[in-house]
Amino acid sequence: ESFIHTFVIAQRSNAQRQQIKAAYQQSTGNPLADALKKVLKSDFEEVVLAMLMTPPEYDAFEMKRAVKGLGTKEAVLIEILGTRSNEEITAMKNTFKEVYGKVLEEQIKGEVSGDLETTLLALCKATRSEDCKIDDGLAKSDAKALFEAGENRVGTVCSVLIDVLTSRSEAQLCKIFQYYGKYSKEGLAKALESELHGNFEDCLMTLVKSAWNKPAFFAEKLHLAMKGLGTNTDTLTRIIVSRSEIDLLKIIQEYKRMYGKTLQEAILKETSGDYEKILLALCGTQ
């Protein structure tokens, strides 16, 4: 069977891959993904199939995978909803409805509860400010409100944390973090770590780290995915594919700065075979 060399796909942009898919479908009458599923396997197959999806399709696919089956993978819901723009979240929700015939919010409600549910549903609204202009007065009052709601009292008022962290723009949040330092020696991230726990803590920490330095957030996730025994290939695949045309170069730079070795070196050490090769191809080094 004539088979498009999969590494060619790694050298193309997502828009070009969509054209390759359409051309294949037209000339053979079959979807390219189906043909590839027959000849590929395991982690390598996962990467290739991920690369053939449009970004909203891939986000929707990962969200669906996170809520179906036994045990919801909250980490995936948190990572995607906590790092995407309003436009990306809206596109993902629309695709989720088209492809799976279900409303994403309803799926989340069925799988998570409490403060985590409240936070994820707030992010699902895709109404977060994306204004680059900073409101200095608001940043000061928000910083004070966060301090009063958390560190400065017994029992954290989670609604205040959720409201500020899910509605303010990333630029505005950075200003808030700076002002927060005037009230607290340890800073907001440390305060959240000591007051909260579990998935809710991870979710708010994602919002804080992502606003402060998104490529560094992803670099840390990649590092953790390869640290210790066994590699979390799902995380490795998801981040490298989904960020490949957004900020992967910056992630690679941050990785080097944070860990003193390149992401490519880590991939070489922790993965092998075609899976290793295609990840390196996406990272832009042969």
Protein backbone atom coordinates (compact mmCIF):
# COMPACT_ATOMS: atom_id res chain seq x y z
CA GLU A 1 0.00 0.00 0.00
CA SER A 2 1.38 3.37 -0.96
CA PHE A 3 2.05 4.99 2.35
CA ILE A 4 3.04 8.58 3.07
CA HIS A 5 6.32 8.50 4.90
CA THR A 6 5.31 9.55 8.36
CA PHE A 7 8.41 11.61 9.02
CA VAL A 8 7.45 13.83 6.10
CA ILE A 9 4.37 14.72 8.15
CA ALA A 10 6.54 15.96 11.01
CA GLN A 11 8.25 18.43 8.67
CA ARG A 12 4.94 19.96 7.59
CA SER A 13 2.72 22.52 9.29
CA ASN A 14 -0.66 21.47 10.62
CA ALA A 15 -2.38 23.31 7.75
CA GLN A 16 -0.27 21.34 5.26
CA ARG A 17 -1.12 18.08 7.03
CA GLN A 18 -4.81 18.83 6.57
CA GLN A 19 -4.16 19.19 2.82
CA ILE A 20 -2.23 15.89 2.76
CA LYS A 21 -5.18 14.21 4.54
CA ALA A 22 -7.68 15.63 2.04
CA ALA A 23 -5.52 14.59 -0.94
CA TYR A 24 -5.13 11.06 0.42
CA GLN A 25 -8.86 10.74 1.04
CA GLN A 26 -9.60 11.99 -2.45
CA SER A 27 -7.15 9.68 -4.24
CA THR A 28 -7.82 6.51 -2.22
CA GLY A 29 -11.33 7.04 -0.89
CA ASN A 30 -10.10 6.16 2.60
CA PRO A 31 -9.13 8.32 5.57
CA LEU A 32 -5.37 8.61 6.01
CA ALA A 33 -5.68 8.04 9.77
CA ASP A 34 -7.29 4.62 9.17
CA ALA A 35 -4.49 3.59 6.82
CA LEU A 36 -1.85 4.67 9.34
CA LYS A 37 -3.57 2.86 12.22
CA LYS A 38 -3.08 -0.40 10.31
CA VAL A 39 0.67 -0.01 9.97
CA LEU A 40 1.73 1.90 13.07
CA LYS A 41 1.63 0.99 16.70
CA SER A 42 1.90 2.25 20.28
CA ASP A 43 3.35 5.67 21.16
CA PHE A 44 4.56 6.32 17.62
CA GLU A 45 1.04 5.81 16.30
CA GLU A 46 -0.32 8.18 18.96
CA VAL A 47 2.00 10.98 17.83
CA VAL A 48 1.25 10.55 14.12
CA LEU A 49 -2.52 10.45 14.66
CA ALA A 50 -2.28 13.50 16.95
CA MET A 51 -0.35 15.40 14.29
CA LEU A 52 -3.04 14.68 11.71
CA MET A 53 -5.75 16.34 13.82
CA THR A 54 -6.33 20.08 13.77
CA PRO A 55 -5.39 21.75 17.08
CA PRO A 56 -9.05 22.00 18.26
CA GLU A 57 -9.64 18.36 17.27
CA TYR A 58 -6.61 17.24 19.23
CA ASP A 59 -7.57 19.27 22.32
CA ALA A 60 -11.12 17.84 22.12
CA PHE A 61 -9.72 14.31 21.67
CA GLU A 62 -7.51 14.66 24.75
CA MET A 63 -10.39 16.13 26.81
CA LYS A 64 -12.65 13.25 25.75
CA ARG A 65 -9.98 10.72 26.65
CA ALA A 66 -9.59 12.39 30.04
CA VAL A 67 -13.28 12.05 30.98
CA LYS A 68 -14.07 8.62 29.62
CA GLY A 69 -13.24 5.28 31.14
CA LEU A 70 -12.32 4.58 34.72
CA GLY A 71 -10.93 7.47 36.70
CA THR A 72 -10.98 10.94 35.21
CA LYS A 73 -7.55 12.28 34.31
CA GLU A 74 -7.99 15.64 36.00
CA ALA A 75 -4.41 16.65 35.17
CA VAL A 76 -5.27 16.74 31.45
CA LEU A 77 -8.44 18.80 31.96
CA ILE A 78 -6.44 21.21 34.11
CA GLU A 79 -3.53 21.48 31.67
CA ILE A 80 -5.69 22.18 28.62
CA LEU A 81 -8.27 24.52 30.15
CA GLY A 82 -5.61 26.31 32.21
CA THR A 83 -3.29 27.16 29.33
CA ARG A 84 -5.46 27.81 26.25
CA SER A 85 -6.72 31.16 24.96
CA ASN A 86 -10.45 31.96 24.82
CA GLU A 87 -10.41 31.33 21.08
CA GLU A 88 -8.73 27.94 21.55
CA ILE A 89 -11.19 26.90 24.28
CA THR A 90 -14.19 27.95 22.17
CA ALA A 91 -12.89 26.06 19.11
CA MET A 92 -12.21 22.99 21.26
CA LYS A 93 -15.73 23.08 22.78
CA ASN A 94 -17.34 23.41 19.33
CA THR A 95 -15.27 20.51 18.00
CA PHE A 96 -16.08 18.43 21.09
CA LYS A 97 -19.80 18.91 20.38
CA GLU A 98 -19.41 18.14 16.65
CA VAL A 99 -17.23 15.06 17.05
CA TYR A 100 -18.63 13.50 20.24
CA GLY A 101 -22.19 14.88 20.22
CA LYS A 102 -21.82 16.03 23.82
CA VAL A 103 -21.42 19.33 25.63
CA LEU A 104 -17.99 19.55 27.27
CA GLU A 105 -19.30 21.35 30.38
CA GLU A 106 -21.83 18.56 31.00
CA GLN A 107 -19.07 15.97 30.75
CA ILE A 108 -16.94 17.88 33.25
CA LYS A 109 -19.88 18.26 35.67
CA GLY A 110 -20.35 14.51 35.60
CA GLU A 111 -16.71 13.77 36.38
CA VAL A 112 -15.40 16.39 38.82
CA SER A 113 -16.89 18.24 41.77
CA GLY A 114 -16.27 20.96 44.32
CA ASP A 115 -13.82 23.82 43.83
CA LEU A 116 -12.10 22.06 40.94
CA GLU A 117 -15.41 21.80 39.07
CA THR A 118 -16.15 25.49 39.73
CA THR A 119 -12.72 26.49 38.39
CA LEU A 120 -12.84 24.31 35.26
CA LEU A 121 -16.36 25.47 34.40
CA ALA A 122 -15.28 29.11 34.83
CA LEU A 123 -12.43 28.46 32.38
CA CYS A 124 -14.83 26.69 29.98
CA LYS A 125 -16.77 29.93 29.61
CA ALA A 126 -13.82 31.32 27.63
CA THR A 127 -14.60 34.84 28.84
CA ARG A 128 -11.32 35.55 30.59
CA SER A 129 -9.87 39.00 29.98
CA GLU A 130 -7.16 39.05 27.31
CA ASP A 131 -6.48 42.75 27.57
CA CYS A 132 -2.79 43.66 27.49
CA LYS A 133 -3.45 46.92 29.33
CA ILE A 134 -2.81 46.66 33.05
CA ASP A 135 -5.16 48.20 35.62
CA ASP A 136 -2.79 49.08 38.43
CA GLY A 137 -5.44 49.96 41.02
CA LEU A 138 -7.34 46.73 40.39
CA ALA A 139 -4.10 44.73 40.64
CA LYS A 140 -3.44 46.23 44.09
CA SER A 141 -6.95 45.51 45.38
CA ASP A 142 -6.94 41.99 43.89
CA ALA A 143 -3.58 41.25 45.53
CA LYS A 144 -4.98 42.39 48.87
CA ALA A 145 -8.17 40.35 48.37
CA LEU A 146 -6.13 37.22 47.57
CA PHE A 147 -4.00 37.76 50.67
CA GLU A 148 -7.08 38.32 52.87
CA ALA A 149 -8.79 35.26 51.40
CA GLY A 150 -5.86 32.92 51.90
CA GLU A 151 -2.76 33.43 53.95
CA ASN A 152 -4.24 36.01 56.26
CA ARG A 153 -7.06 33.88 57.68
CA VAL A 154 -7.89 30.43 58.93
CA GLY A 155 -9.65 28.52 56.16
CA THR A 156 -9.06 29.76 52.63
CA VAL A 157 -11.91 31.50 50.79
CA CYS A 158 -11.60 29.57 47.55
CA SER A 159 -14.26 31.59 45.68
CA VAL A 160 -12.04 34.69 45.75
CA LEU A 161 -9.02 32.76 44.44
CA ILE A 162 -11.10 31.16 41.68
CA ASP A 163 -12.72 34.43 40.65
CA VAL A 164 -9.45 36.36 40.30
CA LEU A 165 -7.38 33.58 38.73
CA THR A 166 -10.00 32.63 36.11
CA SER A 167 -11.11 36.11 35.07
CA ARG A 168 -8.05 38.39 35.00
CA SER A 169 -5.74 38.49 31.98
CA GLU A 170 -2.31 36.89 32.18
CA ALA A 171 -0.62 40.31 32.09
CA GLN A 172 -2.91 41.52 34.89
CA LEU A 173 -2.20 38.41 36.98
CA CYS A 174 1.56 39.02 36.72
CA LYS A 175 1.00 42.50 38.15
CA ILE A 176 -1.15 41.03 40.94
CA PHE A 177 1.62 38.55 41.82
CA GLN A 178 4.09 41.42 42.12
CA TYR A 179 1.80 43.36 44.47
CA TYR A 180 1.05 40.20 46.44
CA GLY A 181 4.74 40.16 47.34
CA LYS A 182 4.18 43.37 49.34
CA TYR A 183 1.78 41.54 51.68
CA SER A 184 3.53 38.23 51.88
CA LYS A 185 7.14 37.14 52.11
CA GLU A 186 6.50 33.83 50.45
CA GLY A 187 4.51 34.90 47.39
CA LEU A 188 1.23 33.56 46.03
CA ALA A 189 2.53 30.28 44.57
CA LYS A 190 4.06 29.21 47.89
CA ALA A 191 0.93 30.33 49.77
CA LEU A 192 -1.32 28.23 47.52
CA GLU A 193 0.96 25.23 47.96
CA SER A 194 0.76 25.45 51.73
CA GLU A 195 -3.01 26.15 51.94
CA LEU A 196 -4.49 23.91 49.26
CA HIS A 197 -4.00 20.34 48.15
CA GLY A 198 -4.81 17.85 45.43
CA ASN A 199 -6.21 18.61 41.99
CA PHE A 200 -7.65 21.97 43.03
CA GLU A 201 -4.18 23.13 44.10
CA ASP A 202 -2.73 21.83 40.82
CA CYS A 203 -5.38 23.73 38.90
CA LEU A 204 -4.74 27.09 40.57
CA MET A 205 -0.96 26.54 40.36
CA THR A 206 -1.37 25.92 36.63
CA LEU A 207 -3.15 29.27 36.27
CA VAL A 208 -0.43 31.04 38.27
CA LYS A 209 2.55 29.43 36.50
CA SER A 210 0.96 29.68 33.08
CA ALA A 211 0.31 33.42 33.53
CA TRP A 212 3.81 34.03 34.85
CA ASN A 213 5.72 32.03 32.21
CA LYS A 214 3.79 29.56 30.06
CA PRO A 215 6.79 27.99 28.27
CA ALA A 216 8.45 27.38 31.67
CA PHE A 217 5.22 25.75 32.90
CA PHE A 218 5.31 23.32 29.97
CA ALA A 219 9.06 22.73 30.36
CA GLU A 220 8.45 21.67 33.95
CA LYS A 221 5.60 19.34 32.89
CA LEU A 222 7.88 17.73 30.30
CA HIS A 223 10.66 17.34 32.87
CA LEU A 224 8.28 15.67 35.34
CA ALA A 225 6.93 13.39 32.61
CA MET A 226 10.46 12.02 32.01
CA LYS A 227 11.70 12.06 35.60
CA GLY A 228 12.08 8.91 37.68
CA LEU A 229 11.04 5.44 36.60
CA GLY A 230 9.13 5.16 33.36
CA THR A 231 8.18 7.99 31.03
CA ASN A 232 4.69 9.44 30.85
CA THR A 233 4.48 9.29 27.07
CA ASP A 234 0.91 10.61 27.00
CA THR A 235 2.07 13.91 28.52
CA LEU A 236 5.19 14.02 26.36
CA THR A 237 3.16 13.50 23.19
CA ARG A 238 0.39 15.92 24.13
CA ILE A 239 2.66 18.83 25.01
CA ILE A 240 5.12 18.46 22.14
CA VAL A 241 2.39 18.04 19.51
CA SER A 242 -0.03 20.65 20.86
CA ARG A 243 2.64 23.33 21.39
CA SER A 244 4.67 22.54 18.24
CA GLU A 245 3.33 25.52 16.30
CA ILE A 246 2.73 27.81 19.28
CA ASP A 247 5.65 28.07 21.71
CA LEU A 248 7.69 24.85 21.49
CA LEU A 249 10.88 26.76 20.64
CA LYS A 250 10.45 28.85 23.79
CA ILE A 251 9.70 25.69 25.80
CA ILE A 252 12.98 24.20 24.51
CA GLN A 253 14.85 27.37 25.60
CA GLU A 254 13.23 27.33 29.05
CA TYR A 255 13.99 23.63 29.46
CA LYS A 256 17.69 24.28 28.88
CA ARG A 257 17.67 27.23 31.27
CA MET A 258 15.83 25.32 34.01
CA TYR A 259 17.49 21.90 33.80
CA GLY A 260 20.92 22.57 32.30
CA LYS A 261 20.41 20.14 29.42
CA THR A 262 18.36 20.25 26.26
CA LEU A 263 14.89 18.79 25.87
CA GLN A 264 16.26 16.81 22.93
CA GLU A 265 18.90 15.19 25.18
CA ALA A 266 16.18 14.20 27.65
CA ILE A 267 14.05 12.71 24.84
CA LEU A 268 17.06 10.74 23.54
CA LYS A 269 17.68 9.36 26.99
CA GLU A 270 14.08 8.53 27.90
CA THR A 271 12.52 7.32 24.63
CA SER A 272 13.57 5.13 21.71
CA GLY A 273 12.84 4.01 18.17
CA ASP A 274 10.41 5.77 15.84
CA TYR A 275 8.72 7.48 18.78
CA GLU A 276 12.00 9.15 19.74
CA LYS A 277 12.72 10.11 16.13
CA ILE A 278 9.36 11.74 15.52
CA LEU A 279 9.49 13.74 18.78
CA LEU A 280 12.95 14.99 17.81
CA ALA A 281 11.65 15.86 14.35
CA LEU A 282 8.90 17.95 15.97
CA CYS A 283 11.50 19.62 18.17
CA GLY A 284 13.22 20.63 14.96
CA THR A 285 16.46 18.67 15.21
CA GLN A 286 17.42 15.66 13.24
